[in-house]
Amino acid sequence: MRQAQRNTPPLGTPVGPDRKCVAHFTTHHTRPALYGRHAAATTWEDPLRITDLVFPALRYSLGTGMRAAFRPQVQGKENIPTTGAAIIASNHLAFLDSFFLPLVSPRAIHFLAKAEYFNGKGIKGRAMAGFFTGVGAIPVDRAGGRAAIAALNAGLDVLKDGELFGIYPEGTRSPDGRLYKGRTGVAHLALQTGVPVIPACVVDTNKVQPDKDKPLRLRPVKVTIKFGEPLDFSKYQDMPSNRHVIRAITDEVVDAIRALSGQEYVDRYASTPAPLTKK
């Protein structure tokens, strides 16, 4: 397995035994409108309240079914802070990752989701919107040139409210199961908020559902979810525009994910996958 090669020293350090990770801006818990700064069809306030009410029930019901069907092994749940904001940065193998991770977490993890998942009509559309809202998904319009800005703004609002925000540094699902170079959104969020980054990984979720448009494989698959020790980059907050620091933080987070997952690392973005090496 090829190790990720870096020219910069590790920037992140474990936060320590205190699991209360509260950013400097989370001293109050008002719930601002998520999309006040960019266009969207809904606001953050109502979906958040729905998540608060529905998530425990969904975690119990769906989590029970998920454990019965796939028997996921969960490691490192103690690394998720009991209160306060944090970024959960994970590899991304399958569409189901955004359900496995929140349902095994003791707290809701808010991932981004396509806005069309929330805009469906009829009973099916309302049921889908309720489900995605219940598991903490955040609607974002990913079309157009401002999609990345909208995603970062959504993440900032979640973190400012003292919640957990989930992000996939690779920016998309891995096309072949390997771990690809990280996009810098996770670094921008960490630098702008000062919250800890918790590396995480999923293992073999791509065997449960190789294609998001096809049914699940209800055959024995050993799924594993791991949460690593939080990384603290708050001391670099005075350098939010330093491209070398941004790149180094991103690489450090991806290295921590690789250490958990054991994946082969590919030093290019997943949008341009490298050919598999014959073994």
C-alpha atoms as a PDB file:
ATOM      1  CA  MET A   1       0.000   0.000   0.000  1.00  0.00           C
ATOM      2  CA  ARG A   2       1.473   3.307  -1.031  1.00  0.00           C
ATOM      3  CA  GLN A   3       1.712   5.793   1.802  1.00  0.00           C
ATOM      4  CA  ALA A   4       0.761   9.423   1.294  1.00  0.00           C
ATOM      5  CA  GLN A   5       3.923  11.488   0.926  1.00  0.00           C
ATOM      6  CA  ARG A   6       3.905  14.970   2.419  1.00  0.00           C
ATOM      7  CA  ASN A   7       6.486  17.747   2.378  1.00  0.00           C
ATOM      8  CA  THR A   8       4.955  19.528   5.354  1.00  0.00           C
ATOM      9  CA  PRO A   9       5.036  18.445   9.021  1.00  0.00           C
ATOM     10  CA  PRO A  10       1.813  17.394  10.758  1.00  0.00           C
ATOM     11  CA  LEU A  11      -0.177  20.433  11.850  1.00  0.00           C
ATOM     12  CA  GLY A  12      -2.941  18.834  13.846  1.00  0.00           C
ATOM     13  CA  THR A  13      -2.596  17.724  17.446  1.00  0.00           C
ATOM     14  CA  PRO A  14      -5.056  15.664  19.494  1.00  0.00           C
ATOM     15  CA  VAL A  15      -7.450  17.830  21.415  1.00  0.00           C
ATOM     16  CA  GLY A  16      -6.970  15.836  24.599  1.00  0.00           C
ATOM     17  CA  PRO A  17      -9.200  14.007  27.066  1.00  0.00           C
ATOM     18  CA  ASP A  18     -11.740  16.829  27.420  1.00  0.00           C
ATOM     19  CA  ARG A  19     -14.534  15.816  25.058  1.00  0.00           C
ATOM     20  CA  LYS A  20     -16.352  19.155  25.279  1.00  0.00           C
ATOM     21  CA  CYS A  21     -15.220  20.831  22.077  1.00  0.00           C
ATOM     22  CA  VAL A  22     -16.810  24.266  21.982  1.00  0.00           C
ATOM     23  CA  ALA A  23     -15.704  26.904  19.492  1.00  0.00           C
ATOM     24  CA  HIS A  24     -15.291  30.529  20.476  1.00  0.00           C
ATOM     25  CA  PHE A  25     -18.520  31.409  18.694  1.00  0.00           C
ATOM     26  CA  THR A  26     -20.730  28.727  20.261  1.00  0.00           C
ATOM     27  CA  THR A  27     -21.366  30.453  23.553  1.00  0.00           C
ATOM     28  CA  HIS A  28     -25.027  30.794  22.612  1.00  0.00           C
ATOM     29  CA  HIS A  29     -27.314  28.468  20.732  1.00  0.00           C
ATOM     30  CA  THR A  30     -29.630  30.639  18.715  1.00  0.00           C
ATOM     31  CA  ARG A  31     -30.565  29.019  15.441  1.00  0.00           C
ATOM     32  CA  PRO A  32     -29.844  31.362  12.531  1.00  0.00           C
ATOM     33  CA  ALA A  33     -31.403  30.990   9.111  1.00  0.00           C
ATOM     34  CA  LEU A  34     -28.979  28.802   7.205  1.00  0.00           C
ATOM     35  CA  TYR A  35     -29.636  30.234   3.814  1.00  0.00           C
ATOM     36  CA  GLY A  36     -29.762  33.904   4.684  1.00  0.00           C
ATOM     37  CA  ARG A  37     -26.561  34.400   2.704  1.00  0.00           C
ATOM     38  CA  HIS A  38     -27.471  32.407  -0.375  1.00  0.00           C
ATOM     39  CA  ALA A  39     -30.522  31.261  -2.274  1.00  0.00           C
ATOM     40  CA  ALA A  40     -32.477  28.214  -1.188  1.00  0.00           C
ATOM     41  CA  ALA A  41     -36.053  27.049  -0.838  1.00  0.00           C
ATOM     42  CA  THR A  42     -35.963  26.340   2.894  1.00  0.00           C
ATOM     43  CA  THR A  43     -34.364  27.628   6.079  1.00  0.00           C
ATOM     44  CA  TRP A  44     -32.112  25.901   8.549  1.00  0.00           C
ATOM     45  CA  GLU A  45     -34.251  26.683  11.571  1.00  0.00           C
ATOM     46  CA  ASP A  46     -37.239  24.451  10.856  1.00  0.00           C
ATOM     47  CA  PRO A  47     -35.261  21.417   9.596  1.00  0.00           C
ATOM     48  CA  LEU A  48     -33.002  21.617  12.652  1.00  0.00           C
ATOM     49  CA  ARG A  49     -35.948  21.469  15.007  1.00  0.00           C
ATOM     50  CA  ILE A  50     -37.366  18.544  13.070  1.00  0.00           C
ATOM     51  CA  THR A  51     -33.986  16.785  13.309  1.00  0.00           C
ATOM     52  CA  ASP A  52     -33.917  17.363  17.072  1.00  0.00           C
ATOM     53  CA  LEU A  53     -37.279  15.620  17.365  1.00  0.00           C
ATOM     54  CA  VAL A  54     -36.953  12.902  14.738  1.00  0.00           C
ATOM     55  CA  PHE A  55     -33.287  11.867  14.898  1.00  0.00           C
ATOM     56  CA  PRO A  56     -33.505   9.872  18.170  1.00  0.00           C
ATOM     57  CA  ALA A  57     -36.434   7.856  16.817  1.00  0.00           C
ATOM     58  CA  LEU A  58     -34.754   7.295  13.443  1.00  0.00           C
ATOM     59  CA  ARG A  59     -31.511   6.287  15.084  1.00  0.00           C
ATOM     60  CA  TYR A  60     -33.374   3.754  17.194  1.00  0.00           C
ATOM     61  CA  SER A  61     -35.585   2.306  14.453  1.00  0.00           C
ATOM     62  CA  LEU A  62     -33.263   2.472  11.436  1.00  0.00           C
ATOM     63  CA  GLY A  63     -30.196   1.885  13.564  1.00  0.00           C
ATOM     64  CA  THR A  64     -31.740  -1.310  14.914  1.00  0.00           C
ATOM     65  CA  GLY A  65     -32.548  -2.502  11.407  1.00  0.00           C
ATOM     66  CA  MET A  66     -29.103  -1.543  10.139  1.00  0.00           C
ATOM     67  CA  ARG A  67     -27.376  -3.403  12.953  1.00  0.00           C
ATOM     68  CA  ALA A  68     -29.519  -6.474  12.323  1.00  0.00           C
ATOM     69  CA  ALA A  69     -28.864  -6.441   8.562  1.00  0.00           C
ATOM     70  CA  PHE A  70     -25.199  -5.417   8.400  1.00  0.00           C
ATOM     71  CA  ARG A  71     -23.871  -5.735  11.979  1.00  0.00           C
ATOM     72  CA  PRO A  72     -21.563  -2.734  11.673  1.00  0.00           C
ATOM     73  CA  GLN A  73     -18.581  -2.566  13.953  1.00  0.00           C
ATOM     74  CA  VAL A  74     -18.093   0.901  15.419  1.00  0.00           C
ATOM     75  CA  GLN A  75     -14.788   2.059  16.859  1.00  0.00           C
ATOM     76  CA  GLY A  76     -13.856   5.345  18.524  1.00  0.00           C
ATOM     77  CA  LYS A  77     -17.306   6.718  19.361  1.00  0.00           C
ATOM     78  CA  GLU A  78     -15.733   8.160  22.498  1.00  0.00           C
ATOM     79  CA  ASN A  79     -13.838  10.596  20.236  1.00  0.00           C
ATOM     80  CA  ILE A  80     -17.084  12.362  19.283  1.00  0.00           C
ATOM     81  CA  PRO A  81     -17.526  15.322  21.671  1.00  0.00           C
ATOM     82  CA  THR A  82     -20.576  15.193  23.884  1.00  0.00           C
ATOM     83  CA  THR A  83     -21.281  18.880  23.302  1.00  0.00           C
ATOM     84  CA  GLY A  84     -20.132  21.633  20.991  1.00  0.00           C
ATOM     85  CA  ALA A  85     -19.219  21.963  17.358  1.00  0.00           C
ATOM     86  CA  ALA A  86     -16.873  19.644  15.466  1.00  0.00           C
ATOM     87  CA  ILE A  87     -16.165  18.594  11.886  1.00  0.00           C
ATOM     88  CA  ILE A  88     -16.503  14.893  11.042  1.00  0.00           C
ATOM     89  CA  ALA A  89     -14.223  14.270   8.025  1.00  0.00           C
ATOM     90  CA  SER A  90     -14.615  10.860   6.410  1.00  0.00           C
ATOM     91  CA  ASN A  91     -13.681   8.903   3.334  1.00  0.00           C
ATOM     92  CA  HIS A  92     -16.565   8.287   0.945  1.00  0.00           C
ATOM     93  CA  LEU A  93     -17.262   4.897  -0.626  1.00  0.00           C
ATOM     94  CA  ALA A  94     -21.032   4.735  -1.118  1.00  0.00           C
ATOM     95  CA  PHE A  95     -24.246   6.735  -1.116  1.00  0.00           C
ATOM     96  CA  LEU A  96     -25.143   5.060   2.186  1.00  0.00           C
ATOM     97  CA  ASP A  97     -22.172   6.575   4.039  1.00  0.00           C
ATOM     98  CA  SER A  98     -24.261   9.628   4.931  1.00  0.00           C
ATOM     99  CA  PHE A  99     -26.710   7.292   6.704  1.00  0.00           C
ATOM    100  CA  PHE A 100     -24.294   4.854   8.333  1.00  0.00           C
ATOM    101  CA  LEU A 101     -22.223   7.591   9.956  1.00  0.00           C
ATOM    102  CA  PRO A 102     -25.094   9.552  11.586  1.00  0.00           C
ATOM    103  CA  LEU A 103     -26.989   6.427  12.663  1.00  0.00           C
ATOM    104  CA  VAL A 104     -24.023   5.023  14.614  1.00  0.00           C
ATOM    105  CA  SER A 105     -23.155   8.410  16.133  1.00  0.00           C
ATOM    106  CA  PRO A 106     -24.419   9.428  19.575  1.00  0.00           C
ATOM    107  CA  ARG A 107     -25.209  12.866  18.086  1.00  0.00           C
ATOM    108  CA  ALA A 108     -26.683  13.922  14.759  1.00  0.00           C
ATOM    109  CA  ILE A 109     -24.081  14.528  12.051  1.00  0.00           C
ATOM    110  CA  HIS A 110     -25.295  17.009   9.449  1.00  0.00           C
ATOM    111  CA  PHE A 111     -24.214  16.183   5.897  1.00  0.00           C
ATOM    112  CA  LEU A 112     -25.034  18.097   2.737  1.00  0.00           C
ATOM    113  CA  ALA A 113     -27.637  16.661   0.392  1.00  0.00           C
ATOM    114  CA  LYS A 114     -29.011  17.664  -2.990  1.00  0.00           C
ATOM    115  CA  ALA A 115     -31.842  20.163  -2.704  1.00  0.00           C
ATOM    116  CA  GLU A 116     -34.056  18.033  -4.956  1.00  0.00           C
ATOM    117  CA  TYR A 117     -34.240  15.389  -2.218  1.00  0.00           C
ATOM    118  CA  PHE A 118     -36.294  17.909  -0.209  1.00  0.00           C
ATOM    119  CA  ASN A 119     -38.445  19.298  -2.993  1.00  0.00           C
ATOM    120  CA  GLY A 120     -40.328  16.185  -4.104  1.00  0.00           C
ATOM    121  CA  LYS A 121     -44.089  16.255  -4.434  1.00  0.00           C
ATOM    122  CA  GLY A 122     -46.730  13.877  -3.201  1.00  0.00           C
ATOM    123  CA  ILE A 123     -46.509  11.356  -0.392  1.00  0.00           C
ATOM    124  CA  LYS A 124     -43.220   9.916  -1.627  1.00  0.00           C
ATOM    125  CA  GLY A 125     -41.641  13.357  -1.943  1.00  0.00           C
ATOM    126  CA  ARG A 126     -42.746  14.422   1.526  1.00  0.00           C
ATOM    127  CA  ALA A 127     -41.595  11.136   3.013  1.00  0.00           C
ATOM    128  CA  MET A 128     -38.166  11.518   1.416  1.00  0.00           C
ATOM    129  CA  ALA A 129     -37.865  15.114   2.630  1.00  0.00           C
ATOM    130  CA  GLY A 130     -38.857  14.072   6.140  1.00  0.00           C
ATOM    131  CA  PHE A 131     -36.367  11.223   6.149  1.00  0.00           C
ATOM    132  CA  PHE A 132     -33.431  13.321   4.981  1.00  0.00           C
ATOM    133  CA  THR A 133     -34.323  16.064   7.439  1.00  0.00           C
ATOM    134  CA  GLY A 134     -34.681  13.515  10.214  1.00  0.00           C
ATOM    135  CA  VAL A 135     -31.157  12.170   9.751  1.00  0.00           C
ATOM    136  CA  GLY A 136     -29.778  15.712   9.767  1.00  0.00           C
ATOM    137  CA  ALA A 137     -29.177  16.257   6.043  1.00  0.00           C
ATOM    138  CA  ILE A 138     -28.913  19.849   4.822  1.00  0.00           C
ATOM    139  CA  PRO A 139     -30.394  20.868   1.458  1.00  0.00           C
ATOM    140  CA  VAL A 140     -27.933  22.648  -0.826  1.00  0.00           C
ATOM    141  CA  ASP A 141     -28.301  23.561  -4.479  1.00  0.00           C
ATOM    142  CA  ARG A 142     -25.159  22.097  -6.030  1.00  0.00           C
ATOM    143  CA  ALA A 143     -25.800  23.515  -9.492  1.00  0.00           C
ATOM    144  CA  GLY A 144     -23.955  26.546 -10.768  1.00  0.00           C
ATOM    145  CA  GLY A 145     -20.603  28.107 -10.043  1.00  0.00           C
ATOM    146  CA  ARG A 146     -21.416  29.081  -6.442  1.00  0.00           C
ATOM    147  CA  ALA A 147     -22.096  25.547  -5.239  1.00  0.00           C
ATOM    148  CA  ALA A 148     -18.823  25.329  -3.280  1.00  0.00           C
ATOM    149  CA  ILE A 149     -19.506  28.652  -1.557  1.00  0.00           C
ATOM    150  CA  ALA A 150     -23.037  27.566  -0.664  1.00  0.00           C
ATOM    151  CA  ALA A 151     -21.683  24.326   0.810  1.00  0.00           C
ATOM    152  CA  LEU A 152     -19.103  26.156   2.933  1.00  0.00           C
ATOM    153  CA  ASN A 153     -21.700  28.647   4.150  1.00  0.00           C
ATOM    154  CA  ALA A 154     -23.994  25.778   5.129  1.00  0.00           C
ATOM    155  CA  GLY A 155     -21.178  24.140   7.061  1.00  0.00           C
ATOM    156  CA  LEU A 156     -20.290  27.388   8.828  1.00  0.00           C
ATOM    157  CA  ASP A 157     -23.863  27.863  10.005  1.00  0.00           C
ATOM    158  CA  VAL A 158     -24.071  24.329  11.374  1.00  0.00           C
ATOM    159  CA  LEU A 159     -20.800  24.749  13.264  1.00  0.00           C
ATOM    160  CA  LYS A 160     -21.769  28.183  14.576  1.00  0.00           C
ATOM    161  CA  ASP A 161     -24.829  26.531  16.088  1.00  0.00           C
ATOM    162  CA  GLY A 162     -22.654  24.097  18.017  1.00  0.00           C
ATOM    163  CA  GLU A 163     -23.544  21.039  15.924  1.00  0.00           C
ATOM    164  CA  LEU A 164     -21.553  18.314  14.139  1.00  0.00           C
ATOM    165  CA  PHE A 165     -20.927  18.871  10.442  1.00  0.00           C
ATOM    166  CA  GLY A 166     -19.979  15.945   8.213  1.00  0.00           C
ATOM    167  CA  ILE A 167     -17.771  16.435   5.180  1.00  0.00           C
ATOM    168  CA  TYR A 168     -16.038  14.216   2.648  1.00  0.00           C
ATOM    169  CA  PRO A 169     -12.667  15.827   1.873  1.00  0.00           C
ATOM    170  CA  GLU A 170     -12.409  13.885  -1.408  1.00  0.00           C
ATOM    171  CA  GLY A 171     -15.465  15.814  -2.601  1.00  0.00           C
ATOM    172  CA  THR A 172     -17.137  12.780  -4.159  1.00  0.00           C
ATOM    173  CA  ARG A 173     -17.364   9.009  -3.826  1.00  0.00           C
ATOM    174  CA  SER A 174     -14.190   7.083  -4.536  1.00  0.00           C
ATOM    175  CA  PRO A 175     -14.513   5.500  -7.989  1.00  0.00           C
ATOM    176  CA  ASP A 176     -12.460   2.430  -7.044  1.00  0.00           C
ATOM    177  CA  GLY A 177     -12.220   2.169  -3.261  1.00  0.00           C
ATOM    178  CA  ARG A 178      -8.945   4.046  -2.950  1.00  0.00           C
ATOM    179  CA  LEU A 179      -8.471   7.296  -1.020  1.00  0.00           C
ATOM    180  CA  TYR A 180      -7.997  10.369  -3.199  1.00  0.00           C
ATOM    181  CA  LYS A 181      -6.476  13.798  -2.650  1.00  0.00           C
ATOM    182  CA  GLY A 182      -8.577  16.072  -0.457  1.00  0.00           C
ATOM    183  CA  ARG A 183     -10.333  19.245  -1.458  1.00  0.00           C
ATOM    184  CA  THR A 184      -9.572  22.182   0.813  1.00  0.00           C
ATOM    185  CA  GLY A 185     -13.090  22.857   2.123  1.00  0.00           C
ATOM    186  CA  VAL A 186     -12.376  21.028   5.378  1.00  0.00           C
ATOM    187  CA  ALA A 187      -9.349  23.254   6.014  1.00  0.00           C
ATOM    188  CA  HIS A 188     -11.305  26.449   5.307  1.00  0.00           C
ATOM    189  CA  LEU A 189     -14.000  25.382   7.783  1.00  0.00           C
ATOM    190  CA  ALA A 190     -11.458  24.464  10.452  1.00  0.00           C
ATOM    191  CA  LEU A 191      -9.567  27.749  10.067  1.00  0.00           C
ATOM    192  CA  GLN A 192     -12.675  29.924  10.049  1.00  0.00           C
ATOM    193  CA  THR A 193     -14.252  28.280  13.087  1.00  0.00           C
ATOM    194  CA  GLY A 194     -11.446  26.885  15.235  1.00  0.00           C
ATOM    195  CA  VAL A 195     -13.432  23.699  15.907  1.00  0.00           C
ATOM    196  CA  PRO A 196     -11.711  20.288  16.050  1.00  0.00           C
ATOM    197  CA  VAL A 197     -11.655  17.948  13.070  1.00  0.00           C
ATOM    198  CA  ILE A 198     -12.521  14.327  13.835  1.00  0.00           C
ATOM    199  CA  PRO A 199     -11.173  11.957  11.162  1.00  0.00           C
ATOM    200  CA  ALA A 200     -13.495   9.072  10.378  1.00  0.00           C
ATOM    201  CA  CYS A 201     -13.732   6.229   7.935  1.00  0.00           C
ATOM    202  CA  VAL A 202     -16.185   3.711   6.561  1.00  0.00           C
ATOM    203  CA  VAL A 203     -15.054   0.269   5.441  1.00  0.00           C
ATOM    204  CA  ASP A 204     -16.885  -1.896   2.877  1.00  0.00           C
ATOM    205  CA  THR A 205     -20.041   0.223   2.587  1.00  0.00           C
ATOM    206  CA  ASN A 206     -19.438   0.055  -1.175  1.00  0.00           C
ATOM    207  CA  LYS A 207     -20.097  -3.691  -0.952  1.00  0.00           C
ATOM    208  CA  VAL A 208     -23.518  -3.040   0.575  1.00  0.00           C
ATOM    209  CA  GLN A 209     -24.561  -0.746  -2.254  1.00  0.00           C
ATOM    210  CA  PRO A 210     -22.053  -0.597  -5.123  1.00  0.00           C
ATOM    211  CA  ASP A 211     -24.428   1.607  -7.127  1.00  0.00           C
ATOM    212  CA  LYS A 212     -26.747   4.128  -5.436  1.00  0.00           C
ATOM    213  CA  ASP A 213     -29.345   3.549  -8.158  1.00  0.00           C
ATOM    214  CA  LYS A 214     -29.526  -0.188  -7.483  1.00  0.00           C
ATOM    215  CA  PRO A 215     -31.038  -2.087  -4.530  1.00  0.00           C
ATOM    216  CA  LEU A 216     -29.008  -2.892  -1.428  1.00  0.00           C
ATOM    217  CA  ARG A 217     -27.203  -6.203  -1.227  1.00  0.00           C
ATOM    218  CA  LEU A 218     -28.808  -7.895   1.736  1.00  0.00           C
ATOM    219  CA  ARG A 219     -26.024 -10.403   2.043  1.00  0.00           C
ATOM    220  CA  PRO A 220     -23.508 -10.635   4.892  1.00  0.00           C
ATOM    221  CA  VAL A 221     -21.158  -7.661   4.629  1.00  0.00           C
ATOM    222  CA  LYS A 222     -18.870  -6.674   7.466  1.00  0.00           C
ATOM    223  CA  VAL A 223     -19.193  -2.898   7.625  1.00  0.00           C
ATOM    224  CA  THR A 224     -16.864  -0.969   9.921  1.00  0.00           C
ATOM    225  CA  ILE A 225     -17.077   2.682  10.977  1.00  0.00           C
ATOM    226  CA  LYS A 226     -14.184   4.318  12.817  1.00  0.00           C
ATOM    227  CA  PHE A 227     -13.800   7.704  14.493  1.00  0.00           C
ATOM    228  CA  GLY A 228     -10.269   8.908  15.214  1.00  0.00           C
ATOM    229  CA  GLU A 229      -8.874  11.323  17.777  1.00  0.00           C
ATOM    230  CA  PRO A 230      -9.869  14.969  17.201  1.00  0.00           C
ATOM    231  CA  LEU A 231      -7.294  17.201  15.534  1.00  0.00           C
ATOM    232  CA  ASP A 232      -6.921  20.804  16.655  1.00  0.00           C
ATOM    233  CA  PHE A 233      -5.887  23.414  14.070  1.00  0.00           C
ATOM    234  CA  SER A 234      -7.133  26.448  16.013  1.00  0.00           C
ATOM    235  CA  LYS A 235      -3.644  27.901  16.410  1.00  0.00           C
ATOM    236  CA  TYR A 236      -3.569  28.532  12.657  1.00  0.00           C
ATOM    237  CA  GLN A 237      -6.746  30.645  12.681  1.00  0.00           C
ATOM    238  CA  ASP A 238      -4.725  33.804  12.047  1.00  0.00           C
ATOM    239  CA  MET A 239      -3.673  32.362   8.670  1.00  0.00           C
ATOM    240  CA  PRO A 240      -7.029  31.612   6.997  1.00  0.00           C
ATOM    241  CA  SER A 241      -5.783  32.661   3.561  1.00  0.00           C
ATOM    242  CA  ASN A 242      -2.365  31.023   3.632  1.00  0.00           C
ATOM    243  CA  ARG A 243      -2.569  28.491   0.815  1.00  0.00           C
ATOM    244  CA  HIS A 244       0.332  26.439   2.189  1.00  0.00           C
ATOM    245  CA  VAL A 245      -1.370  26.090   5.577  1.00  0.00           C
ATOM    246  CA  ILE A 246      -4.712  25.285   3.912  1.00  0.00           C
ATOM    247  CA  ARG A 247      -3.120  22.560   1.788  1.00  0.00           C
ATOM    248  CA  ALA A 248      -1.141  21.145   4.721  1.00  0.00           C
ATOM    249  CA  ILE A 249      -4.220  20.951   6.965  1.00  0.00           C
ATOM    250  CA  THR A 250      -6.194  19.218   4.214  1.00  0.00           C
ATOM    251  CA  ASP A 251      -3.399  16.697   3.664  1.00  0.00           C
ATOM    252  CA  GLU A 252      -3.086  16.090   7.409  1.00  0.00           C
ATOM    253  CA  VAL A 253      -6.791  15.309   7.694  1.00  0.00           C
ATOM    254  CA  VAL A 254      -6.646  12.933   4.709  1.00  0.00           C
ATOM    255  CA  ASP A 255      -3.579  11.226   6.199  1.00  0.00           C
ATOM    256  CA  ALA A 256      -5.510  10.679   9.442  1.00  0.00           C
ATOM    257  CA  ILE A 257      -8.401   9.167   7.477  1.00  0.00           C
ATOM    258  CA  ARG A 258      -5.977   6.892   5.611  1.00  0.00           C
ATOM    259  CA  ALA A 259      -4.444   5.756   8.894  1.00  0.00           C
ATOM    260  CA  LEU A 260      -7.916   4.639  10.021  1.00  0.00           C
ATOM    261  CA  SER A 261      -9.099   3.073   6.769  1.00  0.00           C
ATOM    262  CA  GLY A 262      -5.860   1.519   5.499  1.00  0.00           C
ATOM    263  CA  GLN A 263      -6.765   2.585   1.957  1.00  0.00           C
ATOM    264  CA  GLU A 264      -4.261   3.050  -0.815  1.00  0.00           C
ATOM    265  CA  TYR A 265      -3.689   6.764  -1.340  1.00  0.00           C
ATOM    266  CA  VAL A 266      -3.866   8.402  -4.773  1.00  0.00           C
ATOM    267  CA  ASP A 267      -2.281  11.852  -5.035  1.00  0.00           C
ATOM    268  CA  ARG A 268      -4.852  13.287  -7.413  1.00  0.00           C
ATOM    269  CA  TYR A 269      -8.491  14.286  -7.194  1.00  0.00           C
ATOM    270  CA  ALA A 270     -11.181  11.626  -7.456  1.00  0.00           C
ATOM    271  CA  SER A 271     -12.709  13.412 -10.449  1.00  0.00           C
ATOM    272  CA  THR A 272      -9.686  12.214 -12.452  1.00  0.00           C
ATOM    273  CA  PRO A 273      -9.029   8.703 -11.070  1.00  0.00           C
ATOM    274  CA  ALA A 274      -5.693   7.048 -11.680  1.00  0.00           C
ATOM    275  CA  PRO A 275      -5.521   3.606 -13.298  1.00  0.00           C
ATOM    276  CA  LEU A 276      -5.363   0.694 -10.875  1.00  0.00           C
ATOM    277  CA  THR A 277      -1.928  -0.843 -10.473  1.00  0.00           C
ATOM    278  CA  LYS A 278      -1.735  -4.516 -11.295  1.00  0.00           C
ATOM    279  CA  LYS A 279      -0.590  -6.616  -8.369  1.00  0.00           C
END
